Amino acid sequence: MTTITLNDAPHTGGLVEIPGFPPYDPADPVENAVITRLAGNWQRRAAVKRKEPELEDLFDAARPDYPERIVPFVGHPVWDGLPPEVRRSMLSWSWLAYNRHTIMAEQRIANPAFAYVIEGEFPSLGGPALETSLAQAMVDEQYHTLMHLNASTITRQKRGITLPDTVLPAPHIVHRHEELRAACSEEWQRKLTTLAFATVSETSISAYLHLLSDDPDIQEINSTTVKLHNRDEICHSAITGELAKTVYDFLSADQRRFFVDTMLTGLEAFVANDYRTWQHILALHGVTGADRMIAEVQQDAGRRNLVRDFSGLRGLLSEMDLLGQVDWPWDDEPAAKA
């Protein structure tokens, strides 16, 4: 029975590659521990039971789990007036919600779109090479799910959180995707809705992951998990971009307009602050004045989007010669890199 020996994996530059896993740096103790834990989980299921790496030993309780700088309420008197321990607890829940967003976007949007192609639902797409690439991407997404589940499990254990993540609502982008699909009257509209949202998610997720991947102040396990995930997404972005371009060429005029409009609706949902989730997190902590704070912050245009780097979808629409047909504030883009 074959097992994975991490030290024997092939090297690419300073990184190590294991089939099915993101490239990682074996000299980095956190990256090495995250990947070893993933490999151990799979080996225990497929082969002999072995001791799981002590990833928990790398947890630094003094560090926050999520960067307070990107919380939409920073600077509002209700948030700033909360006791530090309450804000720290809500940052832990923010990290759980971030993982939940990532997992559900992969499971409810990206993988279903890839499955549509493999199953032949888009006649313009197909062939062994594309189907193999999509199958590999779907495996990647399952590993990403495992990575984020592991990270949430450690956070829950170390922070003493007993409530399940499912007390939180579905992430905003997933909720919006399901809402739009339910409103569709034609099957082609439902399929294009999923492909449009997957295109947005996979071309924009690097910007979302970048919010945490390079943060030096938060829990290192968390930033490393996100960084490892992010290494796979450049390839996925290229794949979904090609899917979108190829499908678009075979659509009717009405279908093209629907597809482009739905991509912009998906982008709006993807980059927005998820106030439905924040409402639940604030309620869990009994924050007085939470509803007023949410209402006031939502009215503040400067706080509207969590992600402000739209370069992924903008680049794709430019390649498709569609930028002149869409209305989106692309000029906000540099603000994300400040």
C-alpha atoms as a PDB file:
ATOM      1  CA  MET A   1       0.000   0.000   0.000  1.00  0.00           C
ATOM      2  CA  THR A   2       1.513   3.334  -1.099  1.00  0.00           C
ATOM      3  CA  THR A   3       2.093   6.073   1.430  1.00  0.00           C
ATOM      4  CA  ILE A   4       3.327   9.633   0.992  1.00  0.00           C
ATOM      5  CA  THR A   5       6.839  10.331   2.273  1.00  0.00           C
ATOM      6  CA  LEU A   6       7.150  14.100   2.446  1.00  0.00           C
ATOM      7  CA  ASN A   7      10.943  14.204   2.348  1.00  0.00           C
ATOM      8  CA  ASP A   8      11.012  12.234  -0.914  1.00  0.00           C
ATOM      9  CA  ALA A   9       8.673  14.596  -2.762  1.00  0.00           C
ATOM     10  CA  PRO A  10      10.126  16.353  -5.836  1.00  0.00           C
ATOM     11  CA  HIS A  11      11.482  19.875  -5.405  1.00  0.00           C
ATOM     12  CA  THR A  12      10.587  22.864  -7.560  1.00  0.00           C
ATOM     13  CA  GLY A  13      12.903  25.720  -6.630  1.00  0.00           C
ATOM     14  CA  GLY A  14      12.568  26.130  -2.899  1.00  0.00           C
ATOM     15  CA  LEU A  15       9.189  24.430  -2.814  1.00  0.00           C
ATOM     16  CA  VAL A  16       8.213  20.768  -2.540  1.00  0.00           C
ATOM     17  CA  GLU A  17       5.429  19.308  -4.664  1.00  0.00           C
ATOM     18  CA  ILE A  18       3.270  16.346  -3.637  1.00  0.00           C
ATOM     19  CA  PRO A  19       0.630  15.253  -6.144  1.00  0.00           C
ATOM     20  CA  GLY A  20      -2.728  16.674  -5.069  1.00  0.00           C
ATOM     21  CA  PHE A  21      -1.261  19.110  -2.523  1.00  0.00           C
ATOM     22  CA  PRO A  22      -0.262  22.776  -2.850  1.00  0.00           C
ATOM     23  CA  PRO A  23       3.508  23.379  -3.196  1.00  0.00           C
ATOM     24  CA  TYR A  24       5.066  24.083   0.188  1.00  0.00           C
ATOM     25  CA  ASP A  25       8.369  25.065   1.768  1.00  0.00           C
ATOM     26  CA  PRO A  26       9.711  22.201   3.936  1.00  0.00           C
ATOM     27  CA  ALA A  27      11.998  24.652   5.749  1.00  0.00           C
ATOM     28  CA  ASP A  28       8.986  26.592   7.016  1.00  0.00           C
ATOM     29  CA  PRO A  29       7.747  24.735  10.140  1.00  0.00           C
ATOM     30  CA  VAL A  30       4.171  25.982   9.797  1.00  0.00           C
ATOM     31  CA  GLU A  31       3.830  25.195   6.077  1.00  0.00           C
ATOM     32  CA  ASN A  32       5.433  21.794   6.659  1.00  0.00           C
ATOM     33  CA  ALA A  33       3.080  21.043   9.547  1.00  0.00           C
ATOM     34  CA  VAL A  34      -0.044  22.064   7.599  1.00  0.00           C
ATOM     35  CA  ILE A  35       0.826  19.836   4.640  1.00  0.00           C
ATOM     36  CA  THR A  36       1.937  16.969   6.861  1.00  0.00           C
ATOM     37  CA  ARG A  37      -1.379  17.126   8.694  1.00  0.00           C
ATOM     38  CA  LEU A  38      -3.240  16.969   5.400  1.00  0.00           C
ATOM     39  CA  ALA A  39      -1.216  14.004   4.233  1.00  0.00           C
ATOM     40  CA  GLY A  40      -1.689  12.315   7.585  1.00  0.00           C
ATOM     41  CA  ASN A  41      -5.459  12.706   7.444  1.00  0.00           C
ATOM     42  CA  TRP A  42      -5.597  11.017   4.060  1.00  0.00           C
ATOM     43  CA  GLN A  43      -3.101   8.315   4.912  1.00  0.00           C
ATOM     44  CA  ARG A  44      -4.976   7.388   8.057  1.00  0.00           C
ATOM     45  CA  ARG A  45      -8.115   6.896   6.002  1.00  0.00           C
ATOM     46  CA  ALA A  46      -6.433   5.072   3.109  1.00  0.00           C
ATOM     47  CA  ALA A  47      -3.665   3.150   4.880  1.00  0.00           C
ATOM     48  CA  VAL A  48      -2.404   2.559   8.393  1.00  0.00           C
ATOM     49  CA  LYS A  49      -3.340   4.724  11.335  1.00  0.00           C
ATOM     50  CA  ARG A  50      -0.502   7.004  12.309  1.00  0.00           C
ATOM     51  CA  LYS A  51       0.070   9.764  14.823  1.00  0.00           C
ATOM     52  CA  GLU A  52      -1.222  13.100  13.568  1.00  0.00           C
ATOM     53  CA  PRO A  53       1.303  15.961  13.471  1.00  0.00           C
ATOM     54  CA  GLU A  54       0.973  18.331  16.392  1.00  0.00           C
ATOM     55  CA  LEU A  55      -0.075  21.333  14.371  1.00  0.00           C
ATOM     56  CA  GLU A  56      -1.799  22.628  17.497  1.00  0.00           C
ATOM     57  CA  ASP A  57       1.603  23.136  19.133  1.00  0.00           C
ATOM     58  CA  LEU A  58       2.277  25.941  16.658  1.00  0.00           C
ATOM     59  CA  PHE A  59      -0.787  27.882  17.815  1.00  0.00           C
ATOM     60  CA  ASP A  60       0.098  31.229  19.397  1.00  0.00           C
ATOM     61  CA  ALA A  61      -2.740  32.232  21.705  1.00  0.00           C
ATOM     62  CA  ALA A  62      -1.474  35.816  21.906  1.00  0.00           C
ATOM     63  CA  ARG A  63      -2.115  36.474  18.220  1.00  0.00           C
ATOM     64  CA  PRO A  64      -5.563  37.365  16.852  1.00  0.00           C
ATOM     65  CA  ASP A  65      -7.171  34.878  14.473  1.00  0.00           C
ATOM     66  CA  TYR A  66      -8.321  37.490  11.957  1.00  0.00           C
ATOM     67  CA  PRO A  67      -7.076  41.005  11.113  1.00  0.00           C
ATOM     68  CA  GLU A  68      -9.125  43.652  12.862  1.00  0.00           C
ATOM     69  CA  ARG A  69      -8.069  46.180  10.188  1.00  0.00           C
ATOM     70  CA  ILE A  70     -10.530  44.655   7.673  1.00  0.00           C
ATOM     71  CA  VAL A  71     -13.496  44.435  10.053  1.00  0.00           C
ATOM     72  CA  PRO A  72     -16.089  46.802   8.526  1.00  0.00           C
ATOM     73  CA  PHE A  73     -16.922  48.346  11.913  1.00  0.00           C
ATOM     74  CA  VAL A  74     -13.448  49.538  12.918  1.00  0.00           C
ATOM     75  CA  GLY A  75     -13.700  53.200  13.864  1.00  0.00           C
ATOM     76  CA  HIS A  76     -17.392  53.011  14.710  1.00  0.00           C
ATOM     77  CA  PRO A  77     -17.990  53.930  18.376  1.00  0.00           C
ATOM     78  CA  VAL A  78     -19.983  50.741  19.089  1.00  0.00           C
ATOM     79  CA  TRP A  79     -17.131  48.495  17.916  1.00  0.00           C
ATOM     80  CA  ASP A  80     -14.351  50.603  19.404  1.00  0.00           C
ATOM     81  CA  GLY A  81     -16.163  50.707  22.738  1.00  0.00           C
ATOM     82  CA  LEU A  82     -16.326  46.925  23.128  1.00  0.00           C
ATOM     83  CA  PRO A  83     -14.054  45.197  25.673  1.00  0.00           C
ATOM     84  CA  PRO A  84     -10.873  43.828  24.028  1.00  0.00           C
ATOM     85  CA  GLU A  85     -11.767  40.245  24.920  1.00  0.00           C
ATOM     86  CA  VAL A  86     -15.130  40.562  23.137  1.00  0.00           C
ATOM     87  CA  ARG A  87     -13.474  41.941  20.010  1.00  0.00           C
ATOM     88  CA  ARG A  88     -10.886  39.121  20.108  1.00  0.00           C
ATOM     89  CA  SER A  89     -13.655  36.531  20.341  1.00  0.00           C
ATOM     90  CA  MET A  90     -15.444  38.078  17.381  1.00  0.00           C
ATOM     91  CA  LEU A  91     -12.185  38.003  15.408  1.00  0.00           C
ATOM     92  CA  SER A  92     -12.040  34.249  16.067  1.00  0.00           C
ATOM     93  CA  TRP A  93     -15.583  33.934  14.744  1.00  0.00           C
ATOM     94  CA  SER A  94     -14.600  36.082  11.771  1.00  0.00           C
ATOM     95  CA  TRP A  95     -11.897  33.531  10.955  1.00  0.00           C
ATOM     96  CA  LEU A  96     -14.421  30.702  11.219  1.00  0.00           C
ATOM     97  CA  ALA A  97     -16.744  32.640   8.907  1.00  0.00           C
ATOM     98  CA  TYR A  98     -13.872  33.263   6.468  1.00  0.00           C
ATOM     99  CA  ASN A  99     -13.216  29.534   6.305  1.00  0.00           C
ATOM    100  CA  ARG A 100     -16.928  28.826   5.911  1.00  0.00           C
ATOM    101  CA  HIS A 101     -17.122  31.311   3.037  1.00  0.00           C
ATOM    102  CA  THR A 102     -14.133  29.678   1.338  1.00  0.00           C
ATOM    103  CA  ILE A 103     -15.404  26.127   1.796  1.00  0.00           C
ATOM    104  CA  MET A 104     -18.960  26.817   0.671  1.00  0.00           C
ATOM    105  CA  ALA A 105     -17.869  28.825  -2.369  1.00  0.00           C
ATOM    106  CA  GLU A 106     -15.742  25.865  -3.450  1.00  0.00           C
ATOM    107  CA  GLN A 107     -18.445  23.276  -2.728  1.00  0.00           C
ATOM    108  CA  ARG A 108     -21.570  25.137  -3.889  1.00  0.00           C
ATOM    109  CA  ILE A 109     -20.210  27.174  -6.813  1.00  0.00           C
ATOM    110  CA  ALA A 110     -16.781  26.203  -8.185  1.00  0.00           C
ATOM    111  CA  ASN A 111     -17.033  22.414  -8.147  1.00  0.00           C
ATOM    112  CA  PRO A 112     -20.636  22.330  -9.466  1.00  0.00           C
ATOM    113  CA  ALA A 113     -19.565  24.526 -12.395  1.00  0.00           C
ATOM    114  CA  PHE A 114     -16.625  22.235 -13.161  1.00  0.00           C
ATOM    115  CA  ALA A 115     -18.940  19.219 -12.897  1.00  0.00           C
ATOM    116  CA  TYR A 116     -21.333  20.771 -15.438  1.00  0.00           C
ATOM    117  CA  VAL A 117     -18.497  20.852 -17.972  1.00  0.00           C
ATOM    118  CA  ILE A 118     -17.309  17.307 -17.270  1.00  0.00           C
ATOM    119  CA  GLU A 119     -20.895  16.052 -17.519  1.00  0.00           C
ATOM    120  CA  GLY A 120     -21.300  17.658 -20.962  1.00  0.00           C
ATOM    121  CA  GLU A 121     -23.813  20.332 -19.978  1.00  0.00           C
ATOM    122  CA  PHE A 122     -21.954  22.903 -22.125  1.00  0.00           C
ATOM    123  CA  PRO A 123     -21.641  21.305 -25.605  1.00  0.00           C
ATOM    124  CA  SER A 124     -18.991  23.861 -26.618  1.00  0.00           C
ATOM    125  CA  LEU A 125     -16.630  22.491 -23.965  1.00  0.00           C
ATOM    126  CA  GLY A 126     -15.002  19.108 -23.609  1.00  0.00           C
ATOM    127  CA  GLY A 127     -12.097  16.867 -24.496  1.00  0.00           C
ATOM    128  CA  PRO A 128      -9.737  14.759 -22.396  1.00  0.00           C
ATOM    129  CA  ALA A 129      -7.262  17.564 -21.621  1.00  0.00           C
ATOM    130  CA  LEU A 130      -9.905  19.972 -20.332  1.00  0.00           C
ATOM    131  CA  GLU A 131     -11.761  17.291 -18.403  1.00  0.00           C
ATOM    132  CA  THR A 132      -8.519  16.148 -16.747  1.00  0.00           C
ATOM    133  CA  SER A 133      -7.661  19.735 -15.789  1.00  0.00           C
ATOM    134  CA  LEU A 134     -11.104  20.251 -14.296  1.00  0.00           C
ATOM    135  CA  ALA A 135     -11.004  16.965 -12.392  1.00  0.00           C
ATOM    136  CA  GLN A 136      -7.636  17.977 -10.952  1.00  0.00           C
ATOM    137  CA  ALA A 137      -9.047  21.380 -10.002  1.00  0.00           C
ATOM    138  CA  MET A 138     -11.973  19.672  -8.251  1.00  0.00           C
ATOM    139  CA  VAL A 139      -9.521  17.558  -6.252  1.00  0.00           C
ATOM    140  CA  ASP A 140      -7.638  20.748  -5.369  1.00  0.00           C
ATOM    141  CA  GLU A 141     -10.851  22.296  -4.098  1.00  0.00           C
ATOM    142  CA  GLN A 142     -11.488  19.299  -1.850  1.00  0.00           C
ATOM    143  CA  TYR A 143      -7.995  19.676  -0.373  1.00  0.00           C
ATOM    144  CA  HIS A 144      -8.660  23.360   0.188  1.00  0.00           C
ATOM    145  CA  THR A 145     -11.818  22.415   2.038  1.00  0.00           C
ATOM    146  CA  LEU A 146      -9.830  20.050   4.235  1.00  0.00           C
ATOM    147  CA  MET A 147      -7.212  22.730   4.913  1.00  0.00           C
ATOM    148  CA  HIS A 148      -9.800  25.258   6.045  1.00  0.00           C
ATOM    149  CA  LEU A 149     -11.720  22.676   8.084  1.00  0.00           C
ATOM    150  CA  ASN A 150      -8.477  21.783   9.896  1.00  0.00           C
ATOM    151  CA  ALA A 151      -7.782  25.453  10.584  1.00  0.00           C
ATOM    152  CA  SER A 152     -11.282  25.989  11.971  1.00  0.00           C
ATOM    153  CA  THR A 153     -11.033  22.883  14.143  1.00  0.00           C
ATOM    154  CA  ILE A 154      -7.814  24.099  15.759  1.00  0.00           C
ATOM    155  CA  THR A 155      -9.291  27.559  16.341  1.00  0.00           C
ATOM    156  CA  ARG A 156     -12.382  26.094  17.963  1.00  0.00           C
ATOM    157  CA  GLN A 157     -10.288  23.847  20.209  1.00  0.00           C
ATOM    158  CA  LYS A 158      -7.849  26.561  21.263  1.00  0.00           C
ATOM    159  CA  ARG A 159     -10.455  29.288  21.746  1.00  0.00           C
ATOM    160  CA  GLY A 160     -12.979  27.070  23.522  1.00  0.00           C
ATOM    161  CA  ILE A 161     -15.713  27.625  20.917  1.00  0.00           C
ATOM    162  CA  THR A 162     -18.390  24.958  21.295  1.00  0.00           C
ATOM    163  CA  LEU A 163     -21.108  26.250  18.966  1.00  0.00           C
ATOM    164  CA  PRO A 164     -20.908  24.776  15.443  1.00  0.00           C
ATOM    165  CA  ASP A 165     -20.042  26.985  12.500  1.00  0.00           C
ATOM    166  CA  THR A 166     -23.472  26.159  11.089  1.00  0.00           C
ATOM    167  CA  VAL A 167     -25.050  28.696  13.450  1.00  0.00           C
ATOM    168  CA  LEU A 168     -23.802  31.189  10.853  1.00  0.00           C
ATOM    169  CA  PRO A 169     -25.874  31.726   7.701  1.00  0.00           C
ATOM    170  CA  ALA A 170     -24.685  30.710   4.254  1.00  0.00           C
ATOM    171  CA  PRO A 171     -22.077  33.204   2.995  1.00  0.00           C
ATOM    172  CA  HIS A 172     -23.415  36.126   1.026  1.00  0.00           C
ATOM    173  CA  ILE A 173     -22.090  34.932  -2.346  1.00  0.00           C
ATOM    174  CA  VAL A 174     -23.584  31.461  -1.853  1.00  0.00           C
ATOM    175  CA  HIS A 175     -26.911  32.928  -0.722  1.00  0.00           C
ATOM    176  CA  ARG A 176     -26.983  35.282  -3.732  1.00  0.00           C
ATOM    177  CA  HIS A 177     -26.082  32.455  -6.139  1.00  0.00           C
ATOM    178  CA  GLU A 178     -28.894  30.262  -4.843  1.00  0.00           C
ATOM    179  CA  GLU A 179     -31.321  33.194  -4.877  1.00  0.00           C
ATOM    180  CA  LEU A 180     -30.578  33.938  -8.543  1.00  0.00           C
ATOM    181  CA  ARG A 181     -30.788  30.294  -9.588  1.00  0.00           C
ATOM    182  CA  ALA A 182     -34.174  29.981  -7.879  1.00  0.00           C
ATOM    183  CA  ALA A 183     -35.432  32.976  -9.878  1.00  0.00           C
ATOM    184  CA  CYS A 184     -34.365  31.494 -13.231  1.00  0.00           C
ATOM    185  CA  SER A 185     -37.130  30.243 -15.499  1.00  0.00           C
ATOM    186  CA  GLU A 186     -34.863  28.366 -17.932  1.00  0.00           C
ATOM    187  CA  GLU A 187     -32.311  25.623 -17.302  1.00  0.00           C
ATOM    188  CA  TRP A 188     -29.681  27.412 -19.432  1.00  0.00           C
ATOM    189  CA  GLN A 189     -30.017  30.410 -17.116  1.00  0.00           C
ATOM    190  CA  ARG A 190     -29.320  28.273 -14.049  1.00  0.00           C
ATOM    191  CA  LYS A 191     -26.244  26.718 -15.680  1.00  0.00           C
ATOM    192  CA  LEU A 192     -24.872  30.062 -16.821  1.00  0.00           C
ATOM    193  CA  THR A 193     -25.526  31.543 -13.371  1.00  0.00           C
ATOM    194  CA  THR A 194     -23.354  28.887 -11.768  1.00  0.00           C
ATOM    195  CA  LEU A 195     -20.639  29.258 -14.414  1.00  0.00           C
ATOM    196  CA  ALA A 196     -20.719  33.060 -14.075  1.00  0.00           C
ATOM    197  CA  PHE A 197     -20.395  32.929 -10.283  1.00  0.00           C
ATOM    198  CA  ALA A 198     -17.637  30.309 -10.529  1.00  0.00           C
ATOM    199  CA  THR A 199     -15.788  32.538 -12.990  1.00  0.00           C
ATOM    200  CA  VAL A 200     -15.979  35.437 -10.551  1.00  0.00           C
ATOM    201  CA  SER A 201     -15.040  33.301  -7.560  1.00  0.00           C
ATOM    202  CA  GLU A 202     -12.056  31.635  -9.194  1.00  0.00           C
ATOM    203  CA  THR A 203     -10.708  34.789 -10.853  1.00  0.00           C
ATOM    204  CA  SER A 204     -11.186  36.895  -7.703  1.00  0.00           C
ATOM    205  CA  ILE A 205     -10.398  34.493  -4.862  1.00  0.00           C
ATOM    206  CA  SER A 206      -6.687  35.348  -4.843  1.00  0.00           C
ATOM    207  CA  ALA A 207      -7.609  38.918  -3.891  1.00  0.00           C
ATOM    208  CA  TYR A 208      -9.837  37.537  -1.119  1.00  0.00           C
ATOM    209  CA  LEU A 209      -7.143  35.181   0.140  1.00  0.00           C
ATOM    210  CA  HIS A 210      -4.535  37.937  -0.058  1.00  0.00           C
ATOM    211  CA  LEU A 211      -6.400  39.782   2.703  1.00  0.00           C
ATOM    212  CA  LEU A 212      -4.939  37.242   5.147  1.00  0.00           C
ATOM    213  CA  SER A 213      -2.140  35.379   3.381  1.00  0.00           C
ATOM    214  CA  ASP A 214       0.533  38.040   3.903  1.00  0.00           C
ATOM    215  CA  ASP A 215      -0.653  39.397   7.244  1.00  0.00           C
ATOM    216  CA  PRO A 216       2.286  39.178   9.695  1.00  0.00           C
ATOM    217  CA  ASP A 217       0.228  39.865  12.816  1.00  0.00           C
ATOM    218  CA  ILE A 218      -2.501  37.234  12.815  1.00  0.00           C
ATOM    219  CA  GLN A 219      -2.244  33.578  13.834  1.00  0.00           C
ATOM    220  CA  GLU A 220       0.524  32.103  11.668  1.00  0.00           C
ATOM    221  CA  ILE A 221      -1.361  28.839  11.135  1.00  0.00           C
ATOM    222  CA  ASN A 222      -4.210  30.854   9.658  1.00  0.00           C
ATOM    223  CA  SER A 223      -2.140  33.017   7.319  1.00  0.00           C
ATOM    224  CA  THR A 224      -0.150  29.955   6.201  1.00  0.00           C
ATOM    225  CA  THR A 225      -3.302  27.963   5.432  1.00  0.00           C
ATOM    226  CA  VAL A 226      -4.532  30.810   3.253  1.00  0.00           C
ATOM    227  CA  LYS A 227      -1.127  31.248   1.588  1.00  0.00           C
ATOM    228  CA  LEU A 228      -0.963  27.562   0.655  1.00  0.00           C
ATOM    229  CA  HIS A 229      -4.487  27.700  -0.748  1.00  0.00           C
ATOM    230  CA  ASN A 230      -3.630  30.783  -2.767  1.00  0.00           C
ATOM    231  CA  ARG A 231      -0.795  29.002  -4.586  1.00  0.00           C
ATOM    232  CA  ASP A 232      -3.275  26.791  -6.428  1.00  0.00           C
ATOM    233  CA  GLU A 233      -5.630  29.542  -7.476  1.00  0.00           C
ATOM    234  CA  ILE A 234      -3.604  31.081 -10.300  1.00  0.00           C
ATOM    235  CA  CYS A 235      -4.079  27.872 -12.278  1.00  0.00           C
ATOM    236  CA  HIS A 236      -7.789  27.719 -11.434  1.00  0.00           C
ATOM    237  CA  SER A 237      -8.251  31.317 -12.520  1.00  0.00           C
ATOM    238  CA  ALA A 238      -6.743  30.511 -15.917  1.00  0.00           C
ATOM    239  CA  ILE A 239      -8.964  27.434 -16.331  1.00  0.00           C
ATOM    240  CA  THR A 240     -12.224  29.208 -15.491  1.00  0.00           C
ATOM    241  CA  GLY A 241     -11.257  32.161 -17.635  1.00  0.00           C
ATOM    242  CA  GLU A 242     -10.844  29.881 -20.639  1.00  0.00           C
ATOM    243  CA  LEU A 243     -14.172  28.214 -19.855  1.00  0.00           C
ATOM    244  CA  ALA A 244     -15.913  31.584 -19.788  1.00  0.00           C
ATOM    245  CA  LYS A 245     -14.358  32.749 -23.062  1.00  0.00           C
ATOM    246  CA  THR A 246     -15.165  29.522 -24.883  1.00  0.00           C
ATOM    247  CA  VAL A 247     -18.766  29.315 -23.672  1.00  0.00           C
ATOM    248  CA  TYR A 248     -19.366  32.989 -24.475  1.00  0.00           C
ATOM    249  CA  ASP A 249     -18.443  32.433 -28.136  1.00  0.00           C
ATOM    250  CA  PHE A 250     -21.244  29.864 -28.506  1.00  0.00           C
ATOM    251  CA  LEU A 251     -24.006  31.873 -26.807  1.00  0.00           C
ATOM    252  CA  SER A 252     -26.817  33.814 -28.418  1.00  0.00           C
ATOM    253  CA  ALA A 253     -26.949  37.596 -27.982  1.00  0.00           C
ATOM    254  CA  ASP A 254     -29.481  37.323 -25.128  1.00  0.00           C
ATOM    255  CA  GLN A 255     -27.482  34.589 -23.432  1.00  0.00           C
ATOM    256  CA  ARG A 256     -24.281  36.623 -23.709  1.00  0.00           C
ATOM    257  CA  ARG A 257     -25.932  39.613 -22.047  1.00  0.00           C
ATOM    258  CA  PHE A 258     -27.291  37.362 -19.291  1.00  0.00           C
ATOM    259  CA  PHE A 259     -23.876  35.774 -18.716  1.00  0.00           C
ATOM    260  CA  VAL A 260     -22.003  39.091 -18.495  1.00  0.00           C
ATOM    261  CA  ASP A 261     -24.645  40.707 -16.281  1.00  0.00           C
ATOM    262  CA  THR A 262     -24.573  37.696 -13.966  1.00  0.00           C
ATOM    263  CA  MET A 263     -20.772  37.846 -13.695  1.00  0.00           C
ATOM    264  CA  LEU A 264     -21.069  41.458 -12.507  1.00  0.00           C
ATOM    265  CA  THR A 265     -23.813  40.473 -10.051  1.00  0.00           C
ATOM    266  CA  GLY A 266     -21.515  37.716  -8.827  1.00  0.00           C
ATOM    267  CA  LEU A 267     -18.605  40.143  -8.435  1.00  0.00           C
ATOM    268  CA  GLU A 268     -20.787  42.487  -6.422  1.00  0.00           C
ATOM    269  CA  ALA A 269     -21.703  39.590  -4.118  1.00  0.00           C
ATOM    270  CA  PHE A 270     -18.134  38.290  -3.872  1.00  0.00           C
ATOM    271  CA  VAL A 271     -16.439  41.535  -2.849  1.00  0.00           C
ATOM    272  CA  ALA A 272     -19.126  42.792  -0.446  1.00  0.00           C
ATOM    273  CA  ASN A 273     -18.904  42.716   3.322  1.00  0.00           C
ATOM    274  CA  ASP A 274     -21.130  39.895   4.545  1.00  0.00           C
ATOM    275  CA  TYR A 275     -23.391  41.804   6.922  1.00  0.00           C
ATOM    276  CA  ARG A 276     -25.787  38.850   7.353  1.00  0.00           C
ATOM    277  CA  THR A 277     -22.947  36.866   8.869  1.00  0.00           C
ATOM    278  CA  TRP A 278     -21.745  39.819  10.911  1.00  0.00           C
ATOM    279  CA  GLN A 279     -25.246  40.271  12.291  1.00  0.00           C
ATOM    280  CA  HIS A 280     -25.118  36.716  13.644  1.00  0.00           C
ATOM    281  CA  ILE A 281     -21.613  37.137  15.091  1.00  0.00           C
ATOM    282  CA  LEU A 282     -22.613  40.348  16.852  1.00  0.00           C
ATOM    283  CA  ALA A 283     -25.792  38.708  18.173  1.00  0.00           C
ATOM    284  CA  LEU A 284     -23.800  35.737  19.516  1.00  0.00           C
ATOM    285  CA  HIS A 285     -21.787  38.212  21.578  1.00  0.00           C
ATOM    286  CA  GLY A 286     -24.793  40.239  22.727  1.00  0.00           C
ATOM    287  CA  VAL A 287     -23.468  43.515  21.317  1.00  0.00           C
ATOM    288  CA  THR A 288     -25.722  46.415  22.245  1.00  0.00           C
ATOM    289  CA  GLY A 289     -26.323  48.770  19.341  1.00  0.00           C
ATOM    290  CA  ALA A 290     -25.324  46.166  16.737  1.00  0.00           C
ATOM    291  CA  ASP A 291     -28.244  46.861  14.393  1.00  0.00           C
ATOM    292  CA  ARG A 292     -27.596  50.607  14.478  1.00  0.00           C
ATOM    293  CA  MET A 293     -23.898  50.063  13.795  1.00  0.00           C
ATOM    294  CA  ILE A 294     -24.595  47.770  10.829  1.00  0.00           C
ATOM    295  CA  ALA A 295     -27.100  50.232   9.357  1.00  0.00           C
ATOM    296  CA  GLU A 296     -24.718  53.177   9.712  1.00  0.00           C
ATOM    297  CA  VAL A 297     -21.742  51.311   8.281  1.00  0.00           C
ATOM    298  CA  GLN A 298     -23.760  50.015   5.312  1.00  0.00           C
ATOM    299  CA  GLN A 299     -24.621  53.614   4.438  1.00  0.00           C
ATOM    300  CA  ASP A 300     -20.943  54.569   4.423  1.00  0.00           C
ATOM    301  CA  ALA A 301     -19.770  54.110   0.813  1.00  0.00           C
ATOM    302  CA  GLY A 302     -16.134  53.987   1.936  1.00  0.00           C
ATOM    303  CA  ARG A 303     -16.767  50.753   3.836  1.00  0.00           C
ATOM    304  CA  ARG A 304     -18.901  49.017   1.214  1.00  0.00           C
ATOM    305  CA  ASN A 305     -16.555  46.328  -0.115  1.00  0.00           C
ATOM    306  CA  LEU A 306     -14.336  43.863   1.721  1.00  0.00           C
ATOM    307  CA  VAL A 307     -12.331  43.131  -1.454  1.00  0.00           C
ATOM    308  CA  ARG A 308     -11.364  46.047  -3.695  1.00  0.00           C
ATOM    309  CA  ASP A 309      -9.023  44.322  -6.096  1.00  0.00           C
ATOM    310  CA  PHE A 310     -11.117  43.543  -9.167  1.00  0.00           C
ATOM    311  CA  SER A 311      -8.177  42.859 -11.466  1.00  0.00           C
ATOM    312  CA  GLY A 312      -9.006  39.173 -12.044  1.00  0.00           C
ATOM    313  CA  LEU A 313     -12.412  39.702 -13.636  1.00  0.00           C
ATOM    314  CA  ARG A 314     -11.367  42.997 -15.177  1.00  0.00           C
ATOM    315  CA  GLY A 315      -8.514  41.248 -16.998  1.00  0.00           C
ATOM    316  CA  LEU A 316     -10.828  38.520 -18.240  1.00  0.00           C
ATOM    317  CA  LEU A 317     -13.438  40.981 -19.509  1.00  0.00           C
ATOM    318  CA  SER A 318     -10.666  42.935 -21.212  1.00  0.00           C
ATOM    319  CA  GLU A 319      -9.504  39.772 -22.998  1.00  0.00           C
ATOM    320  CA  MET A 320     -13.107  39.206 -24.083  1.00  0.00           C
ATOM    321  CA  ASP A 321     -13.318  42.827 -25.331  1.00  0.00           C
ATOM    322  CA  LEU A 322     -16.257  43.469 -23.015  1.00  0.00           C
ATOM    323  CA  LEU A 323     -15.018  46.243 -20.714  1.00  0.00           C
ATOM    324  CA  GLY A 324     -16.869  48.854 -22.725  1.00  0.00           C
ATOM    325  CA  GLN A 325     -20.139  47.006 -22.168  1.00  0.00           C
ATOM    326  CA  VAL A 326     -20.067  46.884 -18.375  1.00  0.00           C
ATOM    327  CA  ASP A 327     -20.609  49.451 -15.642  1.00  0.00           C
ATOM    328  CA  TRP A 328     -18.267  48.825 -12.719  1.00  0.00           C
ATOM    329  CA  PRO A 329     -16.093  51.206 -10.628  1.00  0.00           C
ATOM    330  CA  TRP A 330     -12.770  49.673 -11.725  1.00  0.00           C
ATOM    331  CA  ASP A 331     -10.940  52.776 -10.515  1.00  0.00           C
ATOM    332  CA  ASP A 332     -11.394  51.558  -6.921  1.00  0.00           C
ATOM    333  CA  GLU A 333      -8.947  48.756  -7.650  1.00  0.00           C
ATOM    334  CA  PRO A 334      -5.709  50.379  -6.358  1.00  0.00           C
ATOM    335  CA  ALA A 335      -7.259  50.915  -2.917  1.00  0.00           C
ATOM    336  CA  ALA A 336      -6.905  47.205  -2.181  1.00  0.00           C
ATOM    337  CA  LYS A 337      -3.143  47.379  -2.457  1.00  0.00           C
ATOM    338  CA  ALA A 338      -2.666  50.266  -0.029  1.00  0.00           C
END
